[in-house]
Amino acid sequence: MASVKPYESDWAFEARLRRRIRNLILFSVALLISLLFFFPVYLMFSSSFKSEGEIFAIPMHWIPHEFQGLRQYEFAFEETRLERWYINSLFIAAVQTVSTVFFGALAGYGFAKFRFQILVIPMFVLVNQLGWHNSYEGIIMPGLISAFGVFMMRQFAYNIPDELLDAARIDGASEFSIFRRVALPMLKPAAASLAIITFLFSWNNFLWPLVIAQNRDLVTLPVGLTYFSQSLDREPLWAVAMAVSTMATIPVILLFVFFQRYFIEGMMVSGIKG
């Protein structure tokens, strides 16, 4: 005996149709927004293969007509110490990221789980007085820890059950051992989110390295880009600047690709429980 297909009411059909139309509209809007955000990245990447005269061509050339290959990238390395600038940016961003995550987690855990009075002592000690002008110390030290990082990790640390900490104390673990073995693994999503935020801020930081470092061996990529785009002794080399900018985005893209799951998880948890 053939089975009879259950009857679908007009109301159910209309509801399913409205839901599909709504999903289609949301997908179209999301796609449009994605294309708008992708446009500057594509323009930067394609411009790095154009000649200088083609950069400002009217109408715009979506695909390079005078394809330069890797000429602009080679010029950037030959004309400057770009590899040193790249290493400077990676080194400074890595040190500040690791320091901010560790000390932010340590301080945030302490503020969340211990009761004590907080004494705030403003520090107005200039870098010049410490002898750190024009040095890695002068660039890195102000960013080793941030109030944002401490506050963010404190909010996450509040959600760690006190029973776990008490059980570790009964087993004879020291407070730092409890932090390292119990608290820190539970703070992994928050630490990943803070690491990405800190790395992006340090990687893109322009003003402080510009002020504190006059030695070209200490220049970071954001500052080094001005050598091509705002030079005083020649016309701006926009195609080369686009090539350097393209190379500067690679670590940021890789960082987000590998840690996006922890970043999204951390942001969701902070939004729900913060």
Protein backbone atom coordinates (compact mmCIF):
# COMPACT_ATOMS: atom_id res chain seq x y z
CA MET A 1 0.00 0.00 0.00
CA ALA A 2 1.46 3.36 -1.04
CA SER A 3 2.22 5.79 1.73
CA VAL A 4 0.28 9.03 1.79
CA LYS A 5 2.34 12.20 1.99
CA PRO A 6 1.16 14.29 4.94
CA TYR A 7 -0.71 17.39 3.95
CA GLU A 8 1.18 20.66 4.39
CA SER A 9 -1.03 23.54 5.33
CA ASP A 10 -0.83 26.88 3.54
CA TRP A 11 0.37 28.47 6.79
CA ALA A 12 3.32 26.05 7.13
CA PHE A 13 4.25 26.54 3.48
CA GLU A 14 4.19 30.32 3.81
CA ALA A 15 6.26 30.19 7.00
CA ARG A 16 8.87 27.98 5.32
CA LEU A 17 8.93 30.29 2.29
CA ARG A 18 9.36 33.39 4.46
CA ARG A 19 12.19 31.71 6.33
CA ARG A 20 13.98 30.86 3.08
CA ILE A 21 13.52 34.39 1.77
CA ARG A 22 14.86 35.83 5.03
CA ASN A 23 17.90 33.54 4.93
CA LEU A 24 18.52 34.51 1.32
CA ILE A 25 18.36 38.22 2.18
CA LEU A 26 20.70 37.75 5.17
CA PHE A 27 23.16 35.79 3.03
CA SER A 28 23.07 38.46 0.32
CA VAL A 29 23.72 41.24 2.85
CA ALA A 30 26.56 39.26 4.45
CA LEU A 31 28.07 38.61 1.01
CA LEU A 32 27.86 42.30 0.10
CA ILE A 33 29.53 43.34 3.36
CA SER A 34 32.25 40.73 2.82
CA LEU A 35 32.93 42.06 -0.68
CA LEU A 36 33.15 45.62 0.67
CA PHE A 37 35.75 44.54 3.24
CA PHE A 38 37.62 42.45 0.67
CA PHE A 39 37.82 45.28 -1.88
CA PRO A 40 40.69 47.24 -0.20
CA VAL A 41 42.67 44.01 0.23
CA TYR A 42 42.25 43.12 -3.44
CA LEU A 43 43.09 46.69 -4.50
CA MET A 44 46.27 46.60 -2.40
CA PHE A 45 47.31 43.19 -3.72
CA SER A 46 46.64 43.97 -7.40
CA SER A 47 48.32 47.39 -7.12
CA SER A 48 51.52 45.73 -5.92
CA PHE A 49 51.89 44.26 -9.44
CA LYS A 50 51.20 47.51 -11.30
CA SER A 51 53.60 50.16 -12.51
CA GLU A 52 53.70 53.52 -10.73
CA GLY A 53 51.87 55.22 -13.59
CA GLU A 54 49.08 52.67 -13.55
CA ILE A 55 48.26 53.07 -9.85
CA PHE A 56 46.10 56.18 -10.40
CA ALA A 57 44.84 55.31 -13.90
CA ILE A 58 41.32 56.51 -14.71
CA PRO A 59 39.26 54.45 -15.12
CA MET A 60 40.69 52.07 -12.53
CA HIS A 61 42.42 48.95 -13.84
CA TRP A 62 40.99 46.04 -11.90
CA ILE A 63 43.67 43.76 -13.37
CA PRO A 64 47.21 45.12 -13.98
CA HIS A 65 47.70 46.01 -17.65
CA GLU A 66 51.44 46.52 -17.18
CA PHE A 67 52.15 43.47 -15.04
CA GLN A 68 55.36 44.00 -13.07
CA GLY A 69 55.73 40.54 -11.57
CA LEU A 70 57.79 40.64 -8.37
CA ARG A 71 59.67 43.78 -9.41
CA GLN A 72 58.08 45.99 -6.74
CA TYR A 73 58.79 43.42 -4.01
CA GLU A 74 62.41 43.08 -5.14
CA PHE A 75 62.81 46.86 -5.19
CA ALA A 76 61.51 47.12 -1.62
CA PHE A 77 64.13 44.64 -0.38
CA GLU A 78 66.94 46.21 -2.42
CA GLU A 79 66.15 49.82 -1.50
CA THR A 80 65.68 49.35 2.26
CA ARG A 81 66.37 46.95 5.10
CA LEU A 82 62.87 45.55 4.81
CA GLU A 83 63.79 42.16 6.23
CA ARG A 84 65.10 43.90 9.40
CA TRP A 85 61.90 45.93 9.70
CA TYR A 86 59.89 42.73 9.36
CA ILE A 87 61.92 41.02 12.08
CA ASN A 88 61.60 44.09 14.33
CA SER A 89 57.81 44.06 14.00
CA LEU A 90 57.57 40.32 14.65
CA PHE A 91 59.94 40.47 17.63
CA ILE A 92 58.24 43.45 19.30
CA ALA A 93 54.72 42.11 18.68
CA ALA A 94 55.64 38.61 19.92
CA VAL A 95 57.29 39.85 23.13
CA GLN A 96 54.43 42.22 23.96
CA THR A 97 51.81 39.59 23.16
CA VAL A 98 53.35 36.87 25.33
CA SER A 99 53.99 39.31 28.18
CA THR A 100 50.51 40.84 28.06
CA VAL A 101 48.78 37.45 27.99
CA PHE A 102 50.86 35.98 30.83
CA PHE A 103 50.90 38.97 33.19
CA GLY A 104 47.33 39.88 32.26
CA ALA A 105 46.20 36.37 33.16
CA LEU A 106 48.28 36.39 36.35
CA ALA A 107 47.01 39.79 37.52
CA GLY A 108 43.45 39.11 36.38
CA TYR A 109 43.41 35.81 38.26
CA GLY A 110 44.71 37.53 41.38
CA PHE A 111 42.13 40.33 41.23
CA ALA A 112 39.32 37.81 40.67
CA LYS A 113 40.22 35.23 43.32
CA PHE A 114 41.96 37.20 46.08
CA ARG A 115 40.63 39.97 48.28
CA PHE A 116 43.06 42.82 48.87
CA GLN A 117 43.23 46.56 48.50
CA ILE A 118 44.55 47.83 45.22
CA LEU A 119 47.10 50.66 45.38
CA VAL A 120 47.48 52.57 42.13
CA ILE A 121 50.80 54.40 41.77
CA PRO A 122 50.98 56.54 38.60
CA MET A 123 54.29 56.21 36.79
CA PHE A 124 55.56 59.27 35.00
CA VAL A 125 59.08 58.00 34.42
CA LEU A 126 60.18 59.05 30.97
CA VAL A 127 61.93 56.58 28.69
CA ASN A 128 64.79 59.03 28.27
CA GLN A 129 65.43 59.09 32.01
CA LEU A 130 65.74 55.30 31.98
CA GLY A 131 68.19 55.42 29.10
CA TRP A 132 65.87 53.46 26.81
CA HIS A 133 65.57 56.04 24.07
CA ASN A 134 66.28 54.62 20.61
CA SER A 135 66.32 51.00 21.84
CA TYR A 136 64.22 47.85 21.83
CA GLU A 137 63.56 48.34 25.54
CA GLY A 138 62.01 51.74 24.90
CA ILE A 139 59.69 50.32 22.24
CA ILE A 140 58.70 47.13 24.04
CA MET A 141 58.49 47.98 27.76
CA PRO A 142 55.38 50.26 27.67
CA GLY A 143 53.41 47.46 26.01
CA LEU A 144 54.44 44.53 28.22
CA ILE A 145 51.15 44.65 30.11
CA SER A 146 47.88 46.49 29.56
CA ALA A 147 44.94 47.44 31.75
CA PHE A 148 42.61 46.02 29.10
CA GLY A 149 44.36 42.65 29.28
CA VAL A 150 44.15 42.53 33.07
CA PHE A 151 40.46 43.48 33.08
CA MET A 152 39.62 40.97 30.34
CA MET A 153 41.40 38.07 32.07
CA ARG A 154 39.84 39.07 35.40
CA GLN A 155 36.36 38.74 33.93
CA PHE A 156 37.15 35.24 32.70
CA ALA A 157 38.88 34.23 35.94
CA TYR A 158 35.72 35.02 37.90
CA ASN A 159 34.07 32.03 36.18
CA ILE A 160 36.65 29.53 37.45
CA PRO A 161 35.00 27.43 40.22
CA ASP A 162 36.56 28.12 43.61
CA GLU A 163 36.11 24.43 44.48
CA LEU A 164 38.81 23.48 41.96
CA LEU A 165 41.24 25.96 43.49
CA ASP A 166 40.46 24.81 47.03
CA ALA A 167 40.97 21.17 46.02
CA ALA A 168 44.40 22.05 44.63
CA ARG A 169 45.30 23.87 47.85
CA ILE A 170 44.30 20.84 49.91
CA ASP A 171 46.65 18.76 47.75
CA GLY A 172 49.45 21.10 48.77
CA ALA A 173 49.87 23.06 45.53
CA SER A 174 51.34 26.55 45.74
CA GLU A 175 49.34 29.53 44.50
CA PHE A 176 51.49 29.93 41.40
CA SER A 177 51.24 26.20 40.71
CA ILE A 178 47.45 26.46 40.99
CA PHE A 179 47.50 29.35 38.53
CA ARG A 180 49.77 27.50 36.08
CA ARG A 181 48.15 24.05 36.24
CA VAL A 182 44.49 24.82 37.00
CA ALA A 183 43.57 28.39 36.11
CA LEU A 184 45.71 29.06 33.05
CA PRO A 185 44.41 26.04 31.03
CA MET A 186 40.84 27.16 31.75
CA LEU A 187 41.71 30.65 30.52
CA LYS A 188 42.87 29.38 27.11
CA PRO A 189 40.00 30.96 25.06
CA ALA A 190 40.50 34.30 26.78
CA ALA A 191 44.28 34.07 26.35
CA ALA A 192 43.90 33.37 22.62
CA SER A 193 41.54 36.32 22.19
CA LEU A 194 43.86 38.62 24.11
CA ALA A 195 46.86 37.35 22.13
CA ILE A 196 45.22 38.22 18.81
CA ILE A 197 44.09 41.66 20.01
CA THR A 198 47.51 42.47 21.50
CA PHE A 199 49.42 41.23 18.45
CA LEU A 200 47.27 43.31 16.10
CA PHE A 201 47.69 46.42 18.24
CA SER A 202 51.45 45.98 18.50
CA TRP A 203 51.87 45.01 14.83
CA ASN A 204 49.96 48.10 13.67
CA ASN A 205 51.42 50.49 16.25
CA PHE A 206 52.83 53.48 14.41
CA LEU A 207 53.14 56.48 16.72
CA TRP A 208 55.22 55.05 19.58
CA PRO A 209 57.95 53.40 17.43
CA LEU A 210 58.08 56.58 15.35
CA VAL A 211 58.66 58.74 18.42
CA ILE A 212 61.07 56.52 20.32
CA ALA A 213 63.26 55.02 17.58
CA GLN A 214 65.30 57.13 15.16
CA ASN A 215 67.75 54.33 14.31
CA ARG A 216 66.71 52.72 11.02
CA ASP A 217 67.71 49.32 12.38
CA LEU A 218 64.88 49.64 14.93
CA VAL A 219 62.21 50.73 12.46
CA THR A 220 59.02 48.64 12.32
CA LEU A 221 56.93 47.97 9.23
CA PRO A 222 54.23 50.65 9.83
CA VAL A 223 56.95 53.29 10.19
CA GLY A 224 58.99 51.85 7.31
CA LEU A 225 56.02 52.15 4.96
CA THR A 226 56.32 55.94 5.12
CA TYR A 227 59.72 55.59 3.41
CA PHE A 228 57.86 54.70 0.21
CA SER A 229 54.64 56.70 0.61
CA GLN A 230 55.85 59.96 2.23
CA SER A 231 59.43 60.41 1.16
CA LEU A 232 60.71 63.99 1.07
CA ASP A 233 63.37 63.51 -1.59
CA ARG A 234 61.35 61.78 -4.32
CA GLU A 235 57.87 61.01 -5.58
CA PRO A 236 55.90 58.44 -3.54
CA LEU A 237 56.37 54.84 -4.71
CA TRP A 238 52.80 53.66 -4.30
CA ALA A 239 53.23 50.33 -6.08
CA VAL A 240 56.15 49.41 -3.81
CA ALA A 241 54.15 50.59 -0.78
CA MET A 242 51.32 48.26 -1.83
CA ALA A 243 53.81 45.39 -2.13
CA VAL A 244 55.15 46.03 1.39
CA SER A 245 51.60 46.38 2.74
CA THR A 246 50.68 43.04 1.19
CA MET A 247 53.63 41.36 2.91
CA ALA A 248 52.70 43.08 6.19
CA THR A 249 49.22 41.52 6.16
CA ILE A 250 50.49 37.93 5.91
CA PRO A 251 51.27 37.37 9.64
CA VAL A 252 47.93 38.92 10.62
CA ILE A 253 45.98 36.65 8.27
CA LEU A 254 47.87 33.55 9.44
CA LEU A 255 47.34 34.48 13.08
CA PHE A 256 43.59 34.83 12.66
CA VAL A 257 43.26 31.67 10.53
CA PHE A 258 44.95 29.51 13.18
CA PHE A 259 43.33 31.13 16.24
CA GLN A 260 39.92 32.28 14.99
CA ARG A 261 38.11 29.46 16.80
CA TYR A 262 39.54 30.51 20.16
CA PHE A 263 39.00 34.19 19.34
CA ILE A 264 35.30 33.72 18.52
CA GLU A 265 34.81 31.44 21.53
CA GLY A 266 36.49 33.94 23.81
CA MET A 267 34.43 36.86 22.52
CA MET A 268 31.19 34.89 22.91
CA VAL A 269 31.99 33.83 26.45
CA SER A 270 33.03 37.37 27.45
CA GLY A 271 29.81 38.75 25.98
CA ILE A 272 27.64 36.21 27.82
CA LYS A 273 29.38 36.08 31.20
CA GLY A 274 31.13 39.47 31.34
